[in-house]
Protein backbone atom coordinates (compact mmCIF):
# COMPACT_ATOMS: atom_id res chain seq x y z
CA MET A 1 -0.06 0.09 0.07
CA ASP A 2 1.25 3.50 -0.70
CA VAL A 3 0.81 5.76 2.31
CA THR A 4 0.66 8.92 0.23
CA GLU A 5 -2.50 7.62 -1.65
CA ALA A 6 -3.99 6.73 1.70
CA ALA A 7 -2.96 9.26 4.10
CA ASP A 8 -6.08 11.07 5.04
CA ASP A 9 -9.55 10.30 6.56
CA SER A 10 -11.03 9.59 3.13
CA PHE A 11 -8.67 6.68 2.48
CA GLY A 12 -8.44 5.22 5.89
CA ILE A 13 -4.85 6.26 7.11
CA GLU A 14 -4.30 9.07 9.44
CA VAL A 15 -0.80 10.58 10.46
CA ILE A 16 -0.51 10.80 14.37
CA LEU A 17 1.90 13.93 15.15
CA PRO A 18 4.43 13.07 17.95
CA GLU A 19 3.34 14.12 21.45
CA GLY A 20 5.50 14.34 24.54
CA GLU A 21 8.91 12.69 24.61
CA LYS A 22 8.14 9.62 22.86
CA THR A 23 10.95 8.52 20.51
CA ALA A 24 10.09 7.22 16.91
CA PRO A 25 12.30 4.67 15.58
CA CYS A 26 14.78 6.01 12.70
CA CYS A 27 15.21 4.94 9.23
CA PRO A 28 17.90 6.34 6.84
CA HIS A 29 15.71 9.44 6.49
CA GLY A 30 15.67 10.17 10.30
CA PRO A 31 12.76 9.75 12.75
CA THR A 32 9.71 7.83 11.25
CA LEU A 33 6.08 8.98 11.20
CA LEU A 34 3.30 7.19 13.15
CA PHE A 35 0.36 6.16 11.09
CA GLU A 36 -3.01 4.71 12.10
CA LYS A 37 -5.43 2.51 10.00
CA VAL A 38 -8.87 4.03 10.34
CA VAL A 39 -11.37 1.06 10.10
CA LYS A 40 -14.83 2.16 8.78
CA GLY A 41 -17.42 0.87 11.27
CA GLY A 42 -16.09 2.11 14.53
CA ASP A 43 -12.81 0.49 15.40
CA THR A 44 -9.43 2.19 14.96
CA GLY A 45 -6.69 -0.03 13.58
CA ARG A 46 -3.26 -0.92 14.69
CA ARG A 47 -0.62 2.10 14.56
CA PHE A 48 2.65 1.59 12.62
CA TYR A 49 5.72 3.46 12.01
CA ALA A 50 6.90 4.10 8.34
CA CYS A 51 9.32 6.42 6.60
CA SER A 52 8.72 10.09 6.91
CA ALA A 53 10.08 11.02 3.42
CA CYS A 54 9.31 8.01 1.33
CA ARG A 55 5.56 6.92 1.21
CA ASP A 56 6.46 4.11 -1.11
CA ARG A 57 7.89 0.85 0.36
CA LYS A 58 10.07 0.52 -2.69
CA ASP A 59 12.09 3.67 -1.76
CA CYS A 60 12.25 3.02 1.90
CA ASN A 61 10.87 -0.29 3.41
CA PHE A 62 10.97 0.63 6.98
CA PHE A 63 7.84 -0.76 8.86
CA GLN A 64 7.25 -1.29 12.57
CA TRP A 65 4.01 -1.81 14.35
CA GLU A 66 3.81 0.69 17.33
CA GLU A 67 3.82 -1.79 20.04
CA ASP A 68 6.45 -4.15 18.75
CA LYS A 69 9.35 -4.77 20.96
CA VAL A 70 12.73 -4.79 18.90
CA SER A 71 15.31 -6.80 19.81
CA GLU A 72 18.95 -5.52 20.40
CA ALA A 73 20.22 -7.63 17.37
CA ARG A 74 17.51 -6.01 15.21
CA LEU A 75 18.58 -2.39 16.40
CA VAL A 76 22.10 -3.07 15.77
CA ALA A 77 21.28 -4.30 12.29
CA ARG A 78 19.05 -1.36 11.75
CA GLU A 79 21.62 1.26 12.86
CA ALA A 80 24.17 -0.41 10.53
CA GLU A 81 21.85 -0.17 7.68
CA ASN A 82 21.11 3.53 8.26
CA LYS A 83 24.67 4.12 8.64
CA SER A 84 25.39 2.43 5.16
CA LYS A 85 22.96 5.00 3.45
CA ARG A 86 24.58 8.19 4.91
CA PRO A 87 26.54 10.31 2.50
CA LYS A 88 29.99 9.33 1.80
CA PHE A 89 31.58 12.46 3.42
CA SER A 90 30.51 14.64 6.18
CA HIS A 91 29.56 18.32 5.48
CA GLN A 92 32.95 19.48 6.72
CA GLU A 93 34.64 16.91 4.52
CA TYR A 94 32.71 18.25 1.60
CA CYS A 95 33.81 21.77 2.48
CA ASN A 96 37.39 20.68 2.60
CA ARG A 97 37.01 19.08 -0.71
CA SER A 98 35.32 22.13 -2.25
CA ARG A 99 38.39 24.46 -1.25
CA LYS A 100 40.72 21.92 -2.95
CA PHE A 101 38.52 21.84 -5.97
CA ALA A 102 38.30 25.61 -6.23
CA ALA A 103 42.10 25.81 -6.28
CA LEU A 104 42.42 23.60 -9.24
CA PRO A 105 43.12 24.97 -12.65
CA MET A 106 39.90 25.22 -14.85
CA HIS A 107 40.90 22.28 -17.04
CA GLU A 108 41.32 19.95 -14.09
CA LYS A 109 37.83 20.68 -12.78
CA LYS A 110 35.58 17.55 -13.35
CA PHE A 111 32.28 16.34 -12.25
CA CYS A 112 31.28 12.58 -12.32
CA GLN A 113 27.76 12.21 -13.49
CA ASN A 114 27.44 8.65 -12.27
CA CYS A 115 28.39 9.50 -8.67
CA GLN A 116 27.35 13.17 -8.62
CA LEU A 117 30.49 14.23 -7.13
CA LEU A 118 33.21 16.99 -7.63
CA LEU A 119 36.35 15.12 -8.48
CA LEU A 120 39.79 15.72 -7.06
CA PRO A 121 42.85 14.85 -9.44
CA ALA A 122 43.57 11.58 -7.19
CA GLU A 123 40.31 10.35 -7.90
CA TYR A 124 40.21 10.54 -11.69
CA ASP A 125 41.47 6.92 -12.13
CA ALA A 126 38.73 5.47 -9.94
CA HIS A 127 36.04 7.38 -12.03
CA SER A 128 37.75 6.62 -15.38
CA SER A 129 34.98 4.36 -16.74
CA HIS A 130 32.28 6.92 -15.61
CA ARG A 131 30.68 9.66 -17.53
CA CYS A 132 32.68 12.77 -16.35
CA THR A 133 32.09 16.41 -17.53
CA ALA A 134 34.09 19.53 -17.33
CA VAL A 135 32.89 22.14 -14.66
CA SER A 136 32.75 25.70 -15.35
CA ALA A 137 32.50 28.82 -13.10
CA ALA A 138 28.99 29.00 -14.20
CA HIS A 139 28.18 25.71 -12.89
CA LEU A 140 29.53 26.33 -9.45
CA LYS A 141 27.24 29.38 -9.08
CA ARG A 142 24.27 27.30 -10.29
CA PRO A 143 24.73 23.84 -8.95
CA SER A 144 21.24 22.82 -9.67
CA VAL A 145 22.02 22.99 -13.38
CA LEU A 146 25.10 20.66 -12.95
CA LEU A 147 23.24 18.14 -10.54
CA ARG A 148 20.96 15.58 -12.04
CA PRO A 149 17.34 16.29 -10.66
CA LEU A 150 15.88 13.85 -8.29
CA ASP A 151 12.33 13.33 -9.52
CA ASN A 152 10.60 10.79 -7.27
CA LYS A 153 7.41 12.90 -6.71
CA LYS A 154 6.80 11.01 -3.39
CA SER A 155 10.03 11.81 -1.67
CA ASN A 156 12.37 14.39 -3.16
CA ALA A 157 10.60 15.39 -6.16
CA GLN A 158 13.27 17.97 -7.30
CA TYR A 159 11.44 20.07 -9.67
CA LEU A 160 13.08 23.52 -10.18
CA PHE A 161 11.61 26.84 -10.58
CA THR A 162 11.77 28.56 -13.83
CA ASP A 163 13.78 31.85 -13.86
CA ARG A 164 10.37 33.63 -14.14
CA SER A 165 9.01 32.17 -10.97
CA SER A 166 12.57 32.71 -9.18
CA HIS A 167 12.75 36.41 -10.15
CA PHE A 168 9.14 36.99 -9.06
CA LEU A 169 9.84 35.46 -5.65
CA LEU A 170 12.96 37.26 -5.02
CA ASP A 171 11.80 40.65 -6.35
CA SER A 172 8.50 40.37 -4.15
CA LEU A 173 10.67 39.42 -1.01
CA ALA A 174 13.17 42.28 -1.60
CA ALA A 175 10.31 44.82 -2.23
CA LEU A 176 8.72 43.77 1.15
CA GLY A 177 11.81 44.39 2.95
CA TYR A 178 12.98 40.87 3.81
CA THR A 179 16.81 40.54 4.08
CA LYS A 180 17.22 36.80 5.30
CA VAL A 181 15.31 34.14 3.30
CA LEU A 182 15.07 30.65 4.59
CA CYS A 183 14.95 28.41 1.57
CA VAL A 184 13.29 25.09 2.48
CA GLY A 185 13.68 22.79 -0.56
CA THR A 186 14.08 25.87 -2.94
CA PRO A 187 17.77 25.49 -4.20
CA ARG A 188 16.95 27.66 -7.28
CA LEU A 189 16.08 30.54 -4.96
CA GLN A 190 19.20 30.29 -3.00
CA GLU A 191 21.24 30.42 -6.03
CA LEU A 192 19.49 33.55 -7.54
CA ILE A 193 19.99 35.31 -3.99
CA LYS A 194 23.74 34.64 -4.31
CA LEU A 195 23.97 35.61 -8.04
CA ARG A 196 22.25 38.85 -7.04
CA ASN A 197 24.55 39.47 -4.31
CA LEU A 198 27.50 39.31 -6.65
CA GLU A 199 26.14 41.89 -8.83
CA GLN A 200 26.54 44.27 -5.87
CA ILE A 201 23.44 46.38 -7.31
CA HIS A 202 20.68 45.37 -4.98
CA LYS A 203 20.75 45.31 -1.17
CA PRO A 204 22.44 42.22 0.00
CA MET A 205 20.28 39.39 1.24
CA GLN A 206 21.28 36.29 3.39
CA SER A 207 19.91 32.76 2.49
CA LEU A 208 20.09 29.33 4.18
CA LEU A 209 19.04 26.28 2.24
CA LEU A 210 17.43 23.33 4.12
CA ASP A 211 17.29 20.42 1.72
CA ILE A 212 17.19 16.52 1.86
CA ASP A 213 19.59 16.37 -1.18
CA PHE A 214 22.99 16.17 0.48
CA ARG A 215 24.84 16.93 -2.84
CA TYR A 216 24.41 20.64 -2.12
CA ALA A 217 26.87 20.19 0.75
CA GLN A 218 29.71 20.12 -2.10
CA PHE A 219 28.73 23.74 -3.14
CA TYR A 220 27.79 25.62 0.11
CA SER A 221 29.29 26.09 3.42
CA GLN A 222 27.89 24.85 6.72
CA ASP A 223 26.29 28.23 7.25
CA GLU A 224 24.67 28.28 3.87
CA PHE A 225 23.22 24.77 3.60
CA CYS A 226 21.82 22.15 6.21
CA HIS A 227 21.09 18.54 5.23
CA TYR A 228 17.47 18.41 6.36
CA ASN A 229 14.14 16.51 6.15
CA MET A 230 11.18 18.65 6.27
CA PHE A 231 8.55 15.98 6.79
CA ASN A 232 9.97 15.30 10.42
CA HIS A 233 12.03 18.44 11.17
CA HIS A 234 15.35 16.38 11.32
CA PHE A 235 18.61 17.67 10.93
CA PHE A 236 20.98 14.97 9.68
CA ASP A 237 24.01 16.74 11.33
CA GLY A 238 22.22 17.15 14.60
CA GLU A 239 22.91 20.09 16.87
CA THR A 240 25.39 21.65 14.61
CA SER A 241 22.81 22.24 11.99
CA SER A 242 20.04 23.10 14.49
CA GLY A 243 22.35 25.99 15.77
CA VAL A 244 22.86 27.26 12.30
CA LEU A 245 19.14 27.56 11.84
CA GLN A 246 18.52 29.23 14.97
CA ALA A 247 21.41 31.76 14.47
CA PHE A 248 19.80 32.38 10.90
CA LEU A 249 16.32 33.11 12.46
CA THR A 250 17.84 35.69 14.76
CA GLU A 251 16.86 39.03 13.62
CA SER A 252 19.20 42.08 14.50
CA ASP A 253 19.90 45.46 13.03
CA GLY A 254 16.63 45.80 11.25
CA GLN A 255 16.86 42.26 9.45
CA LYS A 256 13.69 40.69 8.55
CA VAL A 257 13.43 36.92 8.05
CA VAL A 258 10.96 35.09 5.63
CA MET A 259 10.66 31.36 4.87
CA VAL A 260 9.99 29.98 1.43
CA ALA A 261 9.10 26.34 1.15
CA ASP A 262 8.52 24.20 -1.76
CA PRO A 263 7.69 20.47 -0.77
CA PRO A 264 7.26 17.62 -3.01
CA PHE A 265 3.70 17.56 -4.13
CA GLY A 266 3.18 14.04 -3.01
CA GLY A 267 4.13 15.06 0.53
CA LEU A 268 1.65 14.89 3.43
CA VAL A 269 0.36 18.28 4.54
CA LYS A 270 -0.08 17.51 8.06
CA PRO A 271 3.63 16.77 9.06
CA LEU A 272 4.77 19.60 6.75
CA ALA A 273 2.38 22.00 8.51
CA ASN A 274 3.86 20.69 11.96
CA THR A 275 7.42 21.36 10.58
CA PHE A 276 6.62 24.93 9.68
CA SER A 277 4.86 25.33 12.89
CA LEU A 278 8.16 24.29 14.82
CA ILE A 279 10.17 26.58 12.67
CA SER A 280 7.88 29.42 13.76
CA GLN A 281 8.04 28.40 17.37
CA THR A 282 11.93 28.51 17.07
CA TRP A 283 11.58 32.07 15.48
CA ARG A 284 9.23 33.56 18.09
CA LYS A 285 11.63 32.42 20.89
CA LEU A 286 14.46 34.35 19.30
CA GLN A 287 12.73 37.57 18.82
CA SER A 288 13.45 40.50 21.26
CA SER A 289 9.84 41.80 20.82
CA ASP A 290 6.69 40.01 21.80
CA CYS A 291 5.65 37.72 18.95
CA SER A 292 3.76 35.30 20.69
CA ASN A 293 0.74 35.43 18.48
CA THR A 294 2.52 35.60 15.22
CA ASP A 295 4.20 33.12 13.00
CA VAL A 296 7.26 33.48 10.93
CA PRO A 297 6.45 35.15 7.57
CA MET A 298 6.27 32.50 5.06
CA MET A 299 5.50 31.33 1.56
CA TRP A 300 4.37 27.65 1.16
CA ILE A 301 4.37 26.66 -2.58
CA PHE A 302 1.90 23.91 -3.38
CA PRO A 303 -1.14 23.04 -5.60
CA TYR A 304 -4.21 24.79 -5.22
CA PHE A 305 -6.42 21.65 -4.72
CA PHE A 306 -4.59 21.07 -1.24
CA GLU A 307 -5.93 24.51 -0.04
CA PRO A 308 -8.70 22.91 2.25
CA ARG A 309 -6.02 20.70 4.02
CA ILE A 310 -3.46 23.50 4.25
CA LEU A 311 -5.92 25.96 5.90
CA GLU A 312 -6.98 23.21 8.24
CA CYS A 313 -3.64 22.87 9.49
CA LEU A 314 -2.48 26.61 9.06
CA PRO A 315 -5.45 28.76 8.97
CA SER A 316 -3.56 32.07 8.96
CA LEU A 317 -2.40 31.40 5.37
CA THR A 318 -4.09 32.86 2.39
CA MET A 319 -3.73 31.36 -1.26
CA LEU A 320 -2.63 33.77 -3.98
CA ASP A 321 -3.51 33.65 -7.51
CA TYR A 322 0.02 33.69 -8.70
CA GLN A 323 0.94 30.60 -10.81
CA VAL A 324 4.42 28.98 -10.13
CA ASP A 325 6.01 27.07 -12.89
CA TYR A 326 8.83 24.58 -13.13
CA ASP A 327 11.66 24.00 -15.66
CA ASN A 328 11.62 20.09 -15.47
CA HIS A 329 8.03 19.28 -14.61
CA PRO A 330 6.02 17.61 -17.49
CA LEU A 331 2.83 19.49 -16.62
CA TYR A 332 3.58 22.38 -14.31
CA LYS A 333 5.24 24.71 -16.62
CA HIS A 334 4.33 27.20 -19.63
CA GLY A 335 4.65 26.17 -23.15
CA LYS A 336 3.61 23.43 -25.67
CA THR A 337 4.36 20.41 -23.32
CA GLY A 338 2.80 21.94 -20.12
CA ARG A 339 -0.80 23.14 -19.02
CA LYS A 340 -1.88 26.56 -20.00
CA GLN A 341 -2.62 27.11 -16.35
CA SER A 342 -0.03 25.81 -13.72
CA PRO A 343 -2.04 24.50 -10.69
CA VAL A 344 0.83 25.45 -8.24
CA ARG A 345 0.06 28.63 -5.85
CA LEU A 346 1.49 30.55 -3.08
CA PHE A 347 -0.01 30.07 0.41
CA THR A 348 1.32 33.00 2.69
CA ASN A 349 0.75 34.64 5.96
CA ILE A 350 2.01 38.00 4.42
CA PRO A 351 -0.87 40.47 3.79
CA PRO A 352 -2.27 39.56 0.35
CA SER A 353 -2.43 43.32 -0.66
CA ASP A 354 1.34 43.57 -0.16
CA VAL A 355 2.22 40.94 -2.57
CA VAL A 356 2.08 42.63 -5.88
CA LEU A 357 1.48 40.28 -8.97
CA PRO A 358 2.90 41.37 -12.28
CA LYS A 359 0.32 43.19 -14.35
CA GLU A 360 2.30 42.04 -17.64
CA GLU A 361 1.47 38.47 -16.72
CA GLY A 362 -2.23 38.97 -16.50
CA TYR A 363 -2.99 39.96 -12.81
CA ARG A 364 -5.01 42.79 -11.63
CA PHE A 365 -5.90 44.05 -8.14
CA CYS A 366 -9.47 43.58 -6.83
CA SER A 367 -10.32 46.63 -4.79
CA VAL A 368 -12.95 44.72 -2.81
CA CYS A 369 -10.97 41.59 -1.91
CA GLN A 370 -7.87 43.82 -1.46
CA ARG A 371 -5.74 41.32 -3.23
CA PHE A 372 -4.18 40.87 -6.62
CA VAL A 373 -5.85 38.17 -8.80
CA VAL A 374 -5.62 36.58 -12.28
CA SER A 375 -7.66 38.66 -14.95
CA LEU A 376 -10.09 35.90 -15.53
CA ASN A 377 -10.92 35.66 -11.80
CA LYS A 378 -13.91 37.90 -11.86
CA HIS A 379 -15.45 39.15 -8.61
CA CYS A 380 -18.82 37.73 -7.71
CA ALA A 381 -21.29 40.21 -6.10
CA LYS A 382 -23.29 37.46 -4.48
CA CYS A 383 -20.27 35.55 -2.99
CA ASN A 384 -18.47 38.85 -2.49
CA VAL A 385 -15.24 37.20 -3.48
CA CYS A 386 -13.00 36.57 -6.42
CA PRO A 387 -13.78 32.77 -6.49
CA SER A 388 -11.56 31.07 -8.99
CA LYS A 389 -8.99 28.66 -7.89
CA ASP A 390 -7.68 27.30 -11.20
CA GLY A 391 -7.24 30.56 -13.10
CA ARG A 392 -10.54 30.00 -15.21
CA GLU A 393 -13.64 32.29 -14.84
CA TRP A 394 -15.99 30.53 -12.61
CA ARG A 395 -19.83 31.07 -12.51
CA HIS A 396 -22.41 31.38 -9.71
CA CYS A 397 -24.83 28.63 -9.01
CA SER A 398 -28.00 29.98 -7.38
CA THR A 399 -28.92 26.66 -6.12
CA CYS A 400 -25.64 25.90 -4.36
CA GLU A 401 -25.20 29.47 -3.56
CA LYS A 402 -21.70 29.61 -4.43
CA CYS A 403 -19.47 29.84 -7.48
CA VAL A 404 -18.37 26.87 -9.31
CA LYS A 405 -15.89 25.71 -12.25
CA PRO A 406 -17.35 26.57 -15.60
CA SER A 407 -17.38 22.74 -16.78
CA TRP A 408 -19.51 21.75 -13.85
CA LYS A 409 -23.32 21.57 -13.85
CA HIS A 410 -25.81 21.40 -11.03
CA CYS A 411 -27.06 17.87 -10.33
CA GLN A 412 -30.56 17.54 -8.79
CA PRO A 413 -30.14 14.03 -7.20
CA CYS A 414 -26.81 14.95 -5.65
CA GLY A 415 -27.81 18.51 -4.60
CA ARG A 416 -24.59 19.85 -5.81
CA CYS A 417 -22.64 20.97 -8.90
CA ALA A 418 -20.40 18.35 -10.35
CA LEU A 419 -19.00 17.44 -13.82
CA PRO A 420 -21.74 16.12 -16.33
CA ASP A 421 -20.39 12.65 -16.35
CA HIS A 422 -19.97 12.29 -12.57
CA PRO A 423 -21.02 9.22 -10.73
CA CYS A 424 -24.49 10.51 -9.86
CA GLY A 425 -25.85 9.60 -6.34
CA ARG A 426 -22.64 9.81 -4.37
CA GLY A 427 -22.91 13.31 -3.14
CA GLU A 428 -20.34 15.03 -0.92
CA GLY A 429 -20.06 14.42 2.79
CA LYS A 430 -22.50 11.41 2.75
CA GLU A 431 -20.20 9.09 4.27
CA GLY A 432 -19.91 10.90 7.46
CA CYS A 433 -17.81 9.65 10.41
CA PHE A 434 -15.85 6.20 10.22
CA ASN A 435 -16.29 5.62 13.92
CA CYS A 436 -20.09 5.99 14.52
CA GLY A 437 -21.60 6.55 11.07
CA SER A 438 -23.05 10.00 12.00
CA VAL A 439 -23.32 12.26 9.00
CA GLU A 440 -23.03 15.32 11.26
CA HIS A 441 -19.30 15.04 11.95
CA LYS A 442 -16.00 13.41 10.59
CA ARG A 443 -13.79 10.86 12.34
CA LYS A 444 -11.51 13.75 13.72
CA GLY A 445 -14.33 15.23 15.74
CA CYS A 446 -15.92 12.14 16.87
CA PRO A 447 -16.55 12.04 20.56
CA LEU A 448 -16.15 8.08 20.55
CA LYS A 449 -12.88 8.03 18.70
CA ASP A 450 -10.76 7.91 21.89
CA ALA A 451 -13.04 5.28 23.46
CA HIS A 452 -12.62 2.99 20.44
CA ARG A 453 -8.88 3.16 20.60
CA ILE A 454 -8.88 2.41 24.27
CA ASN A 455 -11.16 -0.44 23.81
CA ARG A 456 -9.13 -1.98 21.02
CA ARG A 457 -5.97 -1.83 23.20
CA PHE A 458 -7.55 -3.26 26.15
CA ASN A 459 -8.88 -6.10 24.06
CA ALA A 460 -5.51 -6.60 22.48
CA LYS A 461 -3.84 -6.85 26.22
CA SER A 462 -6.31 -9.23 27.34
CA GLY A 463 -6.03 -11.54 24.46
CA SER A 464 -9.39 -11.01 22.97
CA LYS A 465 -10.05 -12.97 19.75
CA ASN A 466 -12.16 -10.24 18.47
CA VAL A 467 -9.13 -8.21 17.75
CA SER A 468 -8.18 -8.39 14.21
CA ARG A 469 -4.30 -8.83 14.12
CA ARG A 470 -4.19 -8.96 10.33
CA PRO A 471 -1.44 -6.63 8.86
CA LEU A 472 -2.94 -3.34 7.56
CA TRP A 473 0.02 -2.18 5.42
CA LYS A 474 2.33 -4.82 4.11
CA PRO A 475 4.65 -5.07 0.87
CA LYS A 476 3.23 -6.83 -2.15
CA ALA A 477 3.95 -10.49 -2.43
CA LYS A 478 6.85 -11.52 -4.95
CA ARG A 479 5.67 -12.68 -7.96
CA LYS A 480 6.80 -16.19 -8.66
CA SER A 481 8.81 -16.93 -11.68
CA GLY A 482 7.24 -18.46 -14.88
CA ALA A 483 8.98 -21.93 -14.27
CA ALA A 484 7.52 -21.80 -10.58
CA ARG A 485 3.93 -21.03 -11.87
CA ARG A 486 4.23 -23.84 -14.45
CA ALA A 487 5.42 -26.23 -12.06
CA LYS A 488 2.68 -25.44 -9.55
CA LYS A 489 0.21 -25.83 -12.37
CA LEU A 490 1.52 -29.28 -13.44
CA THR A 491 1.45 -30.59 -9.78
CA ALA A 492 -2.23 -29.46 -9.49
CA THR A 493 -3.26 -31.22 -12.63
CA SER A 494 -1.60 -34.44 -11.74
CA LYS A 495 -3.58 -34.40 -8.42
């Protein structure tokens, strides 16, 4: 089972955020997340730990039931496996290698495409059978062009901003007076900030890149990059990197910090929101003035259809109409091979009226909503809002009393607007609560939820046979070879 595809109430798997001092077991990507199977009909299933960064067992096969007691031998084996998957060099060692590489003549600067490594002369022979390319000064300033993008959409999903989107983000942040940009999974923005600083035309900005891709340690110092997992707020270099973040979030001499995060689109909203809240907590503690009721200014870049989940977790955010596009994404970019309208948006706690969207790209200011919107997003007098989410002009449905997508039509049996060929009779919100069956609330708000969990655990401890011990999440069975299947078929026939 793919946890990403089943990680909310509608699919029966829920993420349980860490509480108290209970320590989660670790996989190569740091502390794991706790999941719980939601069984329709009232009972809650067993809880299990799985990887925070990879929601597919093919990418990281860590799995452990919450109540399992792990033997010492298994813990030793697990730690050995985790250690074997760590980067070949520490960040400090990468920095030492980088200084030696920078001192080499230009014709000796080589990069191994197979190993994704800047090579020193003593390593040429070991990589002689690999594909090696020359490295220019421009490559060192823009490592995202040199490195091969990681494109697993459920873990790293290294889709890189186009120059158009990168420049818009940086120009907007500079216009708002931000001087320190925390780049969470946004290497292109980090590069642009450093390039702009070299021009010495604009006011200098500081940046810190937090990214799970350790390859960037070859290009940035320990004050510029931290190997980091945004799904569990884990620093792979421990307290050293955590201290770097704290130093960066400290504002002095009129400095202003802003966070820009671009998580993988296959990522789970709940743990991401928890991470950004933890960063906000750290930022609040470091401020000299009272910021007890405010969060760190931020921009979270994510598809518009995640808006309900994002606002449920972080209600202070607002979705802007600006469409972010990517160089290497097959759909989320402008041009013949992409969509006409990118579904990726900015979610921010910065006042929407302060973020000026470019008029030349088709945005206008709505004086009623007090924010910039795409030109086709017409203000609805009945809803008193510019309703469009996808960049098209929406229309008002008098029966639903709200604006809907232009391709939707009102369905009388369902009592709502939907696509003309939708499966009729399956109206929204009819399933209600998984626990008690009520249509008045969802499982999260069910008053019986905790009682069901306590009941299940009590039955499990007492040895009740009514408790299902069937695994709720397990790898697919290996397919037998053709020879094995034929042998089995012949055996069955002979019987």
